[in-house]
PDB file of N, CA and C in Angstrom:
ATOM      1  N   MET A   1      -8.795  -6.563  24.080  1.00  0.00           N
ATOM      2  CA  MET A   1      -8.627  -7.184  22.789  1.00  0.00           C
ATOM      3  C   MET A   1      -7.268  -7.984  22.772  1.00  0.00           C
ATOM      4  N   VAL A   2      -7.324  -8.985  22.148  1.00  0.00           N
ATOM      5  CA  VAL A   2      -5.979  -9.773  21.897  1.00  0.00           C
ATOM      6  C   VAL A   2      -5.394  -9.641  20.425  1.00  0.00           C
ATOM      7  N   TYR A   3      -4.173  -9.546  20.281  1.00  0.00           N
ATOM      8  CA  TYR A   3      -3.520  -9.234  19.125  1.00  0.00           C
ATOM      9  C   TYR A   3      -2.410 -10.444  18.895  1.00  0.00           C
ATOM     10  N   VAL A   4      -2.079 -10.576  17.617  1.00  0.00           N
ATOM     11  CA  VAL A   4      -1.203 -11.644  17.291  1.00  0.00           C
ATOM     12  C   VAL A   4       0.179 -11.419  18.155  1.00  0.00           C
ATOM     13  N   LYS A   5       0.682 -10.283  18.357  1.00  0.00           N
ATOM     14  CA  LYS A   5       1.737 -10.043  19.124  1.00  0.00           C
ATOM     15  C   LYS A   5       1.589 -10.537  20.668  1.00  0.00           C
ATOM     16  N   ASP A   6       0.396 -10.499  21.050  1.00  0.00           N
ATOM     17  CA  ASP A   6       0.196 -11.087  22.536  1.00  0.00           C
ATOM     18  C   ASP A   6       0.336 -12.613  22.527  1.00  0.00           C
ATOM     19  N   LEU A   7      -0.031 -13.361  21.391  1.00  0.00           N
ATOM     20  CA  LEU A   7       0.156 -14.702  21.471  1.00  0.00           C
ATOM     21  C   LEU A   7       1.606 -15.112  21.680  1.00  0.00           C
ATOM     22  N   LEU A   8       2.430 -14.286  20.958  1.00  0.00           N
ATOM     23  CA  LEU A   8       3.897 -14.683  21.081  1.00  0.00           C
ATOM     24  C   LEU A   8       4.381 -14.755  22.550  1.00  0.00           C
ATOM     25  N   LYS A   9       3.718 -14.122  23.397  1.00  0.00           N
ATOM     26  CA  LYS A   9       4.092 -14.113  24.820  1.00  0.00           C
ATOM     27  C   LYS A   9       3.652 -15.301  25.650  1.00  0.00           C
ATOM     28  N   LEU A  10       2.832 -16.183  25.053  1.00  0.00           N
ATOM     29  CA  LEU A  10       2.305 -17.335  25.715  1.00  0.00           C
ATOM     30  C   LEU A  10       3.246 -18.534  25.655  1.00  0.00           C
ATOM     31  N   ALA A  11       3.273 -19.312  26.910  1.00  0.00           N
ATOM     32  CA  ALA A  11       4.182 -20.258  26.906  1.00  0.00           C
ATOM     33  C   ALA A  11       4.011 -21.302  25.819  1.00  0.00           C
ATOM     34  N   CYS A  12       2.660 -21.559  25.446  1.00  0.00           N
ATOM     35  CA  CYS A  12       2.497 -22.594  24.487  1.00  0.00           C
ATOM     36  C   CYS A  12       2.972 -22.224  23.230  1.00  0.00           C
ATOM     37  N   PHE A  13       3.333 -21.091  22.857  1.00  0.00           N
ATOM     38  CA  PHE A  13       3.785 -20.595  21.425  1.00  0.00           C
ATOM     39  C   PHE A  13       5.250 -20.542  21.429  1.00  0.00           C
ATOM     40  N   ARG A  14       6.012 -20.654  22.589  1.00  0.00           N
ATOM     41  CA  ARG A  14       7.347 -20.376  22.708  1.00  0.00           C
ATOM     42  C   ARG A  14       8.255 -21.286  21.682  1.00  0.00           C
ATOM     43  N   THR A  15       7.620 -22.449  21.527  1.00  0.00           N
ATOM     44  CA  THR A  15       8.527 -23.430  20.757  1.00  0.00           C
ATOM     45  C   THR A  15       8.397 -23.117  19.183  1.00  0.00           C
ATOM     46  N   PHE A  16       7.600 -22.167  18.745  1.00  0.00           N
ATOM     47  CA  PHE A  16       7.376 -21.855  17.477  1.00  0.00           C
ATOM     48  C   PHE A  16       8.296 -20.571  17.138  1.00  0.00           C
ATOM     49  N   ASP A  17       8.564 -20.524  15.830  1.00  0.00           N
ATOM     50  CA  ASP A  17       9.390 -19.394  15.287  1.00  0.00           C
ATOM     51  C   ASP A  17       8.528 -18.603  14.517  1.00  0.00           C
ATOM     52  N   LEU A  18       8.761 -17.242  14.573  1.00  0.00           N
ATOM     53  CA  LEU A  18       8.047 -16.327  13.733  1.00  0.00           C
ATOM     54  C   LEU A  18       8.888 -16.437  12.361  1.00  0.00           C
ATOM     55  N   ILE A  19       8.172 -16.903  11.368  1.00  0.00           N
ATOM     56  CA  ILE A  19       8.833 -17.113  10.088  1.00  0.00           C
ATOM     57  C   ILE A  19       8.699 -15.873   9.134  1.00  0.00           C
ATOM     58  N   CYS A  20       7.576 -15.205   9.064  1.00  0.00           N
ATOM     59  CA  CYS A  20       7.417 -14.147   8.166  1.00  0.00           C
ATOM     60  C   CYS A  20       6.173 -13.344   8.684  1.00  0.00           C
ATOM     61  N   GLY A  21       5.955 -12.283   8.089  1.00  0.00           N
ATOM     62  CA  GLY A  21       4.901 -11.296   8.225  1.00  0.00           C
ATOM     63  C   GLY A  21       4.935 -10.633   9.345  1.00  0.00           C
ATOM     64  N   GLN A  22       6.058 -10.112   9.816  1.00  0.00           N
ATOM     65  CA  GLN A  22       6.124  -9.251  11.002  1.00  0.00           C
ATOM     66  C   GLN A  22       5.077  -7.961  10.967  1.00  0.00           C
ATOM     67  N   SER A  23       4.806  -7.540   9.796  1.00  0.00           N
ATOM     68  CA  SER A  23       3.974  -6.457   9.681  1.00  0.00           C
ATOM     69  C   SER A  23       2.441  -6.590  10.044  1.00  0.00           C
ATOM     70  N   GLY A  24       2.191  -7.998  10.285  1.00  0.00           N
ATOM     71  CA  GLY A  24       0.865  -8.188  10.755  1.00  0.00           C
ATOM     72  C   GLY A  24       0.706  -8.508  12.227  1.00  0.00           C
ATOM     73  N   LEU A  25       1.667  -8.279  13.053  1.00  0.00           N
ATOM     74  CA  LEU A  25       1.699  -8.678  14.534  1.00  0.00           C
ATOM     75  C   LEU A  25       0.661  -7.654  15.269  1.00  0.00           C
ATOM     76  N   ASN A  26       0.146  -6.762  14.697  1.00  0.00           N
ATOM     77  CA  ASN A  26      -0.983  -6.030  15.192  1.00  0.00           C
ATOM     78  C   ASN A  26      -2.347  -6.314  14.870  1.00  0.00           C
ATOM     79  N   ARG A  27      -2.510  -7.412  14.103  1.00  0.00           N
ATOM     80  CA  ARG A  27      -3.782  -7.919  13.784  1.00  0.00           C
ATOM     81  C   ARG A  27      -4.575  -8.503  14.968  1.00  0.00           C
ATOM     82  N   GLN A  28      -5.769  -8.233  15.039  1.00  0.00           N
ATOM     83  CA  GLN A  28      -6.709  -8.620  16.154  1.00  0.00           C
ATOM     84  C   GLN A  28      -7.089 -10.056  16.020  1.00  0.00           C
ATOM     85  N   VAL A  29      -7.052 -10.746  17.104  1.00  0.00           N
ATOM     86  CA  VAL A  29      -7.349 -12.200  17.087  1.00  0.00           C
ATOM     87  C   VAL A  29      -8.817 -12.402  17.535  1.00  0.00           C
ATOM     88  N   SER A  30      -9.564 -13.258  16.844  1.00  0.00           N
ATOM     89  CA  SER A  30     -10.991 -13.457  17.206  1.00  0.00           C
ATOM     90  C   SER A  30     -11.222 -14.988  17.817  1.00  0.00           C
ATOM     91  N   TRP A  31     -10.502 -15.915  17.093  1.00  0.00           N
ATOM     92  CA  TRP A  31     -10.686 -17.296  17.650  1.00  0.00           C
ATOM     93  C   TRP A  31      -9.828 -18.283  16.889  1.00  0.00           C
ATOM     94  N   PRO A  32      -9.613 -19.396  17.367  1.00  0.00           N
ATOM     95  CA  PRO A  32      -8.644 -20.373  16.724  1.00  0.00           C
ATOM     96  C   PRO A  32      -9.522 -21.157  15.568  1.00  0.00           C
ATOM     97  N   ASN A  33      -8.845 -21.458  14.458  1.00  0.00           N
ATOM     98  CA  ASN A  33      -9.417 -22.219  13.376  1.00  0.00           C
ATOM     99  C   ASN A  33      -8.480 -23.291  12.836  1.00  0.00           C
ATOM    100  N   ILE A  34      -8.908 -24.511  12.867  1.00  0.00           N
ATOM    101  CA  ILE A  34      -8.059 -25.725  12.350  1.00  0.00           C
ATOM    102  C   ILE A  34      -8.213 -25.713  10.761  1.00  0.00           C
ATOM    103  N   ALA A  35      -7.201 -25.722  10.017  1.00  0.00           N
ATOM    104  CA  ALA A  35      -7.387 -25.750   8.495  1.00  0.00           C
ATOM    105  C   ALA A  35      -6.689 -27.079   8.066  1.00  0.00           C
ATOM    106  N   GLN A  36      -7.539 -27.959   7.615  1.00  0.00           N
ATOM    107  CA  GLN A  36      -6.998 -29.293   7.010  1.00  0.00           C
ATOM    108  C   GLN A  36      -7.681 -29.476   5.670  1.00  0.00           C
ATOM    109  N   THR A  37      -8.148 -28.610   5.008  1.00  0.00           N
ATOM    110  CA  THR A  37      -8.608 -28.625   3.672  1.00  0.00           C
ATOM    111  C   THR A  37      -7.891 -27.770   2.683  1.00  0.00           C
ATOM    112  N   PRO A  38      -8.108 -28.102   1.425  1.00  0.00           N
ATOM    113  CA  PRO A  38      -7.457 -27.420   0.389  1.00  0.00           C
ATOM    114  C   PRO A  38      -7.968 -25.919   0.278  1.00  0.00           C
ATOM    115  N   SER A  39      -9.235 -25.720   0.697  1.00  0.00           N
ATOM    116  CA  SER A  39      -9.828 -24.344   0.687  1.00  0.00           C
ATOM    117  C   SER A  39     -10.167 -24.067   2.013  1.00  0.00           C
ATOM    118  N   ILE A  40      -9.858 -22.981   2.432  1.00  0.00           N
ATOM    119  CA  ILE A  40     -10.242 -22.364   3.797  1.00  0.00           C
ATOM    120  C   ILE A  40     -11.043 -21.149   3.798  1.00  0.00           C
ATOM    121  N   ARG A  41     -11.343 -20.639   2.580  1.00  0.00           N
ATOM    122  CA  ARG A  41     -12.195 -19.360   2.265  1.00  0.00           C
ATOM    123  C   ARG A  41     -13.585 -19.520   3.020  1.00  0.00           C
ATOM    124  N   GLU A  42     -14.161 -20.548   2.908  1.00  0.00           N
ATOM    125  CA  GLU A  42     -15.457 -20.551   3.423  1.00  0.00           C
ATOM    126  C   GLU A  42     -15.565 -20.762   5.027  1.00  0.00           C
ATOM    127  N   TRP A  43     -14.457 -20.962   5.599  1.00  0.00           N
ATOM    128  CA  TRP A  43     -14.463 -21.136   7.053  1.00  0.00           C
ATOM    129  C   TRP A  43     -14.037 -19.978   7.710  1.00  0.00           C
ATOM    130  N   LEU A  44     -13.316 -19.007   7.086  1.00  0.00           N
ATOM    131  CA  LEU A  44     -12.939 -17.834   7.878  1.00  0.00           C
ATOM    132  C   LEU A  44     -13.902 -16.779   8.217  1.00  0.00           C
ATOM    133  N   VAL A  45     -13.714 -16.144   9.418  1.00  0.00           N
ATOM    134  CA  VAL A  45     -14.664 -15.062   9.960  1.00  0.00           C
ATOM    135  C   VAL A  45     -13.870 -13.839   9.994  1.00  0.00           C
ATOM    136  N   GLY A  46     -12.614 -13.877   9.972  1.00  0.00           N
ATOM    137  CA  GLY A  46     -11.753 -12.637  10.243  1.00  0.00           C
ATOM    138  C   GLY A  46     -11.225 -12.899  11.732  1.00  0.00           C
ATOM    139  N   GLY A  47      -9.933 -12.448  11.736  1.00  0.00           N
ATOM    140  CA  GLY A  47      -9.272 -12.695  13.143  1.00  0.00           C
ATOM    141  C   GLY A  47      -8.969 -14.098  13.519  1.00  0.00           C
ATOM    142  N   ASP A  48      -9.066 -14.924  12.491  1.00  0.00           N
ATOM    143  CA  ASP A  48      -8.754 -16.390  12.851  1.00  0.00           C
ATOM    144  C   ASP A  48      -7.333 -16.645  13.166  1.00  0.00           C
ATOM    145  N   VAL A  49      -6.908 -17.383  14.098  1.00  0.00           N
ATOM    146  CA  VAL A  49      -5.692 -18.061  14.265  1.00  0.00           C
ATOM    147  C   VAL A  49      -5.805 -19.422  13.708  1.00  0.00           C
ATOM    148  N   ILE A  50      -5.085 -19.653  12.461  1.00  0.00           N
ATOM    149  CA  ILE A  50      -5.268 -20.851  11.854  1.00  0.00           C
ATOM    150  C   ILE A  50      -4.106 -21.799  12.127  1.00  0.00           C
ATOM    151  N   LEU A  51      -4.514 -23.032  12.557  1.00  0.00           N
ATOM    152  CA  LEU A  51      -3.441 -24.045  12.935  1.00  0.00           C
ATOM    153  C   LEU A  51      -3.676 -25.028  11.742  1.00  0.00           C
ATOM    154  N   MET A  52      -2.272 -25.378  11.276  1.00  0.00           N
ATOM    155  CA  MET A  52      -2.256 -26.441  10.028  1.00  0.00           C
ATOM    156  C   MET A  52      -1.205 -27.419  10.308  1.00  0.00           C
ATOM    157  N   THR A  53      -1.610 -28.636  10.295  1.00  0.00           N
ATOM    158  CA  THR A  53      -0.755 -29.876  10.382  1.00  0.00           C
ATOM    159  C   THR A  53      -0.288 -30.374   8.991  1.00  0.00           C
ATOM    160  N   GLY A  54      -1.089 -30.287   8.080  1.00  0.00           N
ATOM    161  CA  GLY A  54      -0.838 -30.696   6.634  1.00  0.00           C
ATOM    162  C   GLY A  54      -1.321 -32.263   6.571  1.00  0.00           C
ATOM    163  N   VAL A  55      -1.791 -32.953   7.659  1.00  0.00           N
ATOM    164  CA  VAL A  55      -2.160 -34.338   7.539  1.00  0.00           C
ATOM    165  C   VAL A  55      -3.228 -34.471   6.583  1.00  0.00           C
ATOM    166  N   GLY A  56      -2.965 -35.435   5.534  1.00  0.00           N
ATOM    167  CA  GLY A  56      -4.091 -35.571   4.564  1.00  0.00           C
ATOM    168  C   GLY A  56      -3.900 -34.752   3.444  1.00  0.00           C
ATOM    169  N   LEU A  57      -3.002 -33.840   3.387  1.00  0.00           N
ATOM    170  CA  LEU A  57      -2.917 -32.823   2.380  1.00  0.00           C
ATOM    171  C   LEU A  57      -1.607 -33.078   1.420  1.00  0.00           C
ATOM    172  N   GLN A  58      -1.762 -32.680   0.184  1.00  0.00           N
ATOM    173  CA  GLN A  58      -0.656 -32.595  -0.608  1.00  0.00           C
ATOM    174  C   GLN A  58       0.016 -31.303  -0.529  1.00  0.00           C
ATOM    175  N   ILE A  59       1.150 -31.161   0.162  1.00  0.00           N
ATOM    176  CA  ILE A  59       1.799 -29.952   0.508  1.00  0.00           C
ATOM    177  C   ILE A  59       2.868 -29.670  -0.622  1.00  0.00           C
ATOM    178  N   THR A  60       2.698 -28.641  -1.259  1.00  0.00           N
ATOM    179  CA  THR A  60       3.504 -27.988  -2.243  1.00  0.00           C
ATOM    180  C   THR A  60       3.483 -26.356  -1.890  1.00  0.00           C
ATOM    181  N   GLU A  61       4.497 -25.842  -2.596  1.00  0.00           N
ATOM    182  CA  GLU A  61       4.683 -24.383  -2.467  1.00  0.00           C
ATOM    183  C   GLU A  61       3.461 -23.675  -2.899  1.00  0.00           C
ATOM    184  N   ASP A  62       2.903 -24.168  -4.164  1.00  0.00           N
ATOM    185  CA  ASP A  62       1.784 -23.625  -4.618  1.00  0.00           C
ATOM    186  C   ASP A  62       0.445 -23.703  -3.593  1.00  0.00           C
ATOM    187  N   PHE A  63       0.389 -24.892  -3.035  1.00  0.00           N
ATOM    188  CA  PHE A  63      -0.671 -25.107  -2.029  1.00  0.00           C
ATOM    189  C   PHE A  63      -0.552 -24.197  -0.830  1.00  0.00           C
ATOM    190  N   LEU A  64       0.631 -24.153  -0.365  1.00  0.00           N
ATOM    191  CA  LEU A  64       0.882 -23.157   0.927  1.00  0.00           C
ATOM    192  C   LEU A  64       0.601 -21.704   0.407  1.00  0.00           C
ATOM    193  N   ASN A  65       1.006 -21.224  -0.661  1.00  0.00           N
ATOM    194  CA  ASN A  65       0.795 -19.779  -1.265  1.00  0.00           C
ATOM    195  C   ASN A  65      -0.677 -19.575  -1.446  1.00  0.00           C
ATOM    196  N   SER A  66      -1.501 -20.698  -1.809  1.00  0.00           N
ATOM    197  CA  SER A  66      -2.832 -20.531  -1.913  1.00  0.00           C
ATOM    198  C   SER A  66      -3.482 -20.333  -0.577  1.00  0.00           C
ATOM    199  N   ILE A  67      -3.073 -21.029   0.458  1.00  0.00           N
ATOM    200  CA  ILE A  67      -3.630 -20.961   1.908  1.00  0.00           C
ATOM    201  C   ILE A  67      -3.435 -19.581   2.358  1.00  0.00           C
ATOM    202  N   ILE A  68      -2.114 -19.166   2.209  1.00  0.00           N
ATOM    203  CA  ILE A  68      -1.691 -17.775   2.541  1.00  0.00           C
ATOM    204  C   ILE A  68      -2.542 -16.849   2.048  1.00  0.00           C
ATOM    205  N   GLU A  69      -2.732 -16.828   0.582  1.00  0.00           N
ATOM    206  CA  GLU A  69      -3.740 -15.914   0.079  1.00  0.00           C
ATOM    207  C   GLU A  69      -5.056 -15.906   0.535  1.00  0.00           C
ATOM    208  N   GLN A  70      -5.679 -17.189   0.696  1.00  0.00           N
ATOM    209  CA  GLN A  70      -7.087 -17.302   1.188  1.00  0.00           C
ATOM    210  C   GLN A  70      -7.103 -16.735   2.668  1.00  0.00           C
ATOM    211  N   ALA A  71      -6.020 -16.853   3.515  1.00  0.00           N
ATOM    212  CA  ALA A  71      -6.016 -16.490   4.827  1.00  0.00           C
ATOM    213  C   ALA A  71      -6.023 -14.949   4.909  1.00  0.00           C
ATOM    214  N   ALA A  72      -5.204 -14.346   4.077  1.00  0.00           N
ATOM    215  CA  ALA A  72      -5.127 -12.875   3.987  1.00  0.00           C
ATOM    216  C   ALA A  72      -6.377 -12.249   3.367  1.00  0.00           C
ATOM    217  N   GLU A  73      -6.863 -12.765   2.362  1.00  0.00           N
ATOM    218  CA  GLU A  73      -8.310 -12.408   1.882  1.00  0.00           C
ATOM    219  C   GLU A  73      -9.376 -12.560   2.863  1.00  0.00           C
ATOM    220  N   GLY A  74      -9.244 -13.470   3.716  1.00  0.00           N
ATOM    221  CA  GLY A  74     -10.333 -13.718   4.847  1.00  0.00           C
ATOM    222  C   GLY A  74     -10.098 -12.995   6.063  1.00  0.00           C
ATOM    223  N   ARG A  75      -9.012 -12.226   6.109  1.00  0.00           N
ATOM    224  CA  ARG A  75      -8.683 -11.271   7.186  1.00  0.00           C
ATOM    225  C   ARG A  75      -8.195 -12.182   8.403  1.00  0.00           C
ATOM    226  N   ALA A  76      -7.575 -13.267   8.248  1.00  0.00           N
ATOM    227  CA  ALA A  76      -7.099 -14.187   9.340  1.00  0.00           C
ATOM    228  C   ALA A  76      -5.988 -13.290  10.096  1.00  0.00           C
ATOM    229  N   ALA A  77      -5.823 -13.572  11.235  1.00  0.00           N
ATOM    230  CA  ALA A  77      -4.864 -13.060  12.230  1.00  0.00           C
ATOM    231  C   ALA A  77      -3.489 -13.399  11.896  1.00  0.00           C
ATOM    232  N   CYS A  78      -3.353 -14.833  11.902  1.00  0.00           N
ATOM    233  CA  CYS A  78      -2.096 -15.437  11.510  1.00  0.00           C
ATOM    234  C   CYS A  78      -2.273 -16.890  11.136  1.00  0.00           C
ATOM    235  N   LEU A  79      -1.163 -17.625  10.793  1.00  0.00           N
ATOM    236  CA  LEU A  79      -1.152 -19.026  10.310  1.00  0.00           C
ATOM    237  C   LEU A  79      -0.129 -19.576  11.154  1.00  0.00           C
ATOM    238  N   ILE A  80      -0.412 -20.712  11.867  1.00  0.00           N
ATOM    239  CA  ILE A  80       0.576 -21.364  12.567  1.00  0.00           C
ATOM    240  C   ILE A  80       0.673 -22.859  11.828  1.00  0.00           C
ATOM    241  N   ILE A  81       1.890 -23.102  11.423  1.00  0.00           N
ATOM    242  CA  ILE A  81       2.076 -24.300  10.604  1.00  0.00           C
ATOM    243  C   ILE A  81       2.911 -25.253  11.492  1.00  0.00           C
ATOM    244  N   LEU A  82       2.390 -26.446  11.625  1.00  0.00           N
ATOM    245  CA  LEU A  82       3.315 -27.400  12.666  1.00  0.00           C
ATOM    246  C   LEU A  82       4.211 -28.116  11.585  1.00  0.00           C
ATOM    247  N   ILE A  83       5.427 -27.875  11.691  1.00  0.00           N
ATOM    248  CA  ILE A  83       6.524 -28.376  10.717  1.00  0.00           C
ATOM    249  C   ILE A  83       6.873 -29.658  11.448  1.00  0.00           C
ATOM    250  N   ASN A  84       6.990 -30.786  10.542  1.00  0.00           N
ATOM    251  CA  ASN A  84       7.350 -32.003  10.920  1.00  0.00           C
ATOM    252  C   ASN A  84       7.773 -32.792   9.522  1.00  0.00           C
ATOM    253  N   LYS A  85       8.567 -33.952   9.753  1.00  0.00           N
ATOM    254  CA  LYS A  85       9.101 -34.585   8.584  1.00  0.00           C
ATOM    255  C   LYS A  85       8.179 -35.239   7.859  1.00  0.00           C
ATOM    256  N   GLU A  86       7.001 -35.608   8.340  1.00  0.00           N
ATOM    257  CA  GLU A  86       6.069 -36.396   7.592  1.00  0.00           C
ATOM    258  C   GLU A  86       5.023 -35.639   6.797  1.00  0.00           C
ATOM    259  N   HIS A  87       4.683 -34.393   7.132  1.00  0.00           N
ATOM    260  CA  HIS A  87       3.606 -33.514   6.539  1.00  0.00           C
ATOM    261  C   HIS A  87       4.126 -32.288   5.927  1.00  0.00           C
ATOM    262  N   ILE A  88       4.479 -31.473   6.753  1.00  0.00           N
ATOM    263  CA  ILE A  88       5.101 -30.285   6.201  1.00  0.00           C
ATOM    264  C   ILE A  88       6.488 -30.034   6.735  1.00  0.00           C
ATOM    265  N   ARG A  89       7.381 -30.278   5.813  1.00  0.00           N
ATOM    266  CA  ARG A  89       8.893 -30.456   6.311  1.00  0.00           C
ATOM    267  C   ARG A  89       9.492 -28.899   6.570  1.00  0.00           C
ATOM    268  N   LYS A  90       9.116 -27.983   5.666  1.00  0.00           N
ATOM    269  CA  LYS A  90       9.470 -26.608   5.721  1.00  0.00           C
ATOM    270  C   LYS A  90       8.641 -25.677   4.973  1.00  0.00           C
ATOM    271  N   ILE A  91       8.943 -24.406   5.178  1.00  0.00           N
ATOM    272  CA  ILE A  91       8.047 -23.322   4.424  1.00  0.00           C
ATOM    273  C   ILE A  91       8.969 -22.760   3.445  1.00  0.00           C
ATOM    274  N   PRO A  92       8.684 -23.023   2.188  1.00  0.00           N
ATOM    275  CA  PRO A  92       9.525 -22.446   1.148  1.00  0.00           C
ATOM    276  C   PRO A  92       9.761 -21.031   1.224  1.00  0.00           C
ATOM    277  N   GLU A  93      10.879 -20.442   0.643  1.00  0.00           N
ATOM    278  CA  GLU A  93      11.251 -19.190   0.535  1.00  0.00           C
ATOM    279  C   GLU A  93      10.228 -18.304  -0.155  1.00  0.00           C
ATOM    280  N   GLY A  94       9.661 -18.899  -1.316  1.00  0.00           N
ATOM    281  CA  GLY A  94       8.690 -18.111  -2.001  1.00  0.00           C
ATOM    282  C   GLY A  94       7.537 -17.821  -1.333  1.00  0.00           C
ATOM    283  N   THR A  95       6.938 -18.906  -0.404  1.00  0.00           N
ATOM    284  CA  THR A  95       5.913 -18.763   0.354  1.00  0.00           C
ATOM    285  C   THR A  95       6.124 -17.779   1.431  1.00  0.00           C
ATOM    286  N   ARG A  96       7.250 -17.710   1.903  1.00  0.00           N
ATOM    287  CA  ARG A  96       7.679 -16.633   3.214  1.00  0.00           C
ATOM    288  C   ARG A  96       7.574 -15.326   2.417  1.00  0.00           C
ATOM    289  N   GLU A  97       8.005 -15.184   1.385  1.00  0.00           N
ATOM    290  CA  GLU A  97       7.926 -13.867   0.652  1.00  0.00           C
ATOM    291  C   GLU A  97       6.487 -13.339   0.472  1.00  0.00           C
ATOM    292  N   TRP A  98       5.686 -14.399  -0.162  1.00  0.00           N
ATOM    293  CA  TRP A  98       4.382 -14.125  -0.417  1.00  0.00           C
ATOM    294  C   TRP A  98       3.538 -13.631   0.920  1.00  0.00           C
ATOM    295  N   ALA A  99       3.836 -14.458   2.098  1.00  0.00           N
ATOM    296  CA  ALA A  99       3.187 -13.947   3.243  1.00  0.00           C
ATOM    297  C   ALA A  99       3.683 -12.488   3.684  1.00  0.00           C
ATOM    298  N   ASP A 100       4.881 -12.344   3.580  1.00  0.00           N
ATOM    299  CA  ASP A 100       5.533 -10.993   3.815  1.00  0.00           C
ATOM    300  C   ASP A 100       4.701  -9.935   3.027  1.00  0.00           C
ATOM    301  N   ARG A 101       4.589 -10.197   1.743  1.00  0.00           N
ATOM    302  CA  ARG A 101       4.009  -9.145   0.806  1.00  0.00           C
ATOM    303  C   ARG A 101       2.476  -8.998   1.267  1.00  0.00           C
ATOM    304  N   LEU A 102       1.873  -9.980   1.729  1.00  0.00           N
ATOM    305  CA  LEU A 102       0.361  -9.848   2.128  1.00  0.00           C
ATOM    306  C   LEU A 102       0.369  -9.481   3.583  1.00  0.00           C
ATOM    307  N   GLY A 103       1.422  -9.494   4.305  1.00  0.00           N
ATOM    308  CA  GLY A 103       1.425  -8.971   5.672  1.00  0.00           C
ATOM    309  C   GLY A 103       0.677 -10.093   6.721  1.00  0.00           C
ATOM    310  N   LEU A 104       0.769 -11.363   6.243  1.00  0.00           N
ATOM    311  CA  LEU A 104       0.228 -12.403   7.219  1.00  0.00           C
ATOM    312  C   LEU A 104       1.344 -13.022   7.947  1.00  0.00           C
ATOM    313  N   VAL A 105       1.145 -13.097   9.207  1.00  0.00           N
ATOM    314  CA  VAL A 105       2.170 -13.607  10.120  1.00  0.00           C
ATOM    315  C   VAL A 105       2.082 -15.185   9.939  1.00  0.00           C
ATOM    316  N   VAL A 106       3.133 -15.727   9.931  1.00  0.00           N
ATOM    317  CA  VAL A 106       3.318 -17.273   9.649  1.00  0.00           C
ATOM    318  C   VAL A 106       4.297 -17.712  10.755  1.00  0.00           C
ATOM    319  N   TRP A 107       3.803 -18.646  11.640  1.00  0.00           N
ATOM    320  CA  TRP A 107       4.780 -19.372  12.611  1.00  0.00           C
ATOM    321  C   TRP A 107       4.989 -20.695  12.266  1.00  0.00           C
ATOM    322  N   GLY A 108       6.011 -21.326  12.560  1.00  0.00           N
ATOM    323  CA  GLY A 108       6.380 -22.680  12.409  1.00  0.00           C
ATOM    324  C   GLY A 108       7.162 -23.354  13.361  1.00  0.00           C
TER     325      GLY A 108
END
């Protein structure tokens, strides 16, 4: 079995920072899932490693909090957010706190 903490050891993820949700590092990983829609509930199967670039989405703190909530409800393993100046510039403190409360690991 593969867990979120195992992904942190992979070279491809070394450029990402663990932003929040350390309590979720022991979540089991099942498969990767790309999220580029406002709702991800219908796509989650549990154990998802969700990748999000924000392309084509209106990124706000409320939107990110909704994605975090949907991911946690769908038993996702973690959320990897690609931070860049054009789409998702940063992860707001309120979003970090929400992910911590829900135990969802977020990298950026």
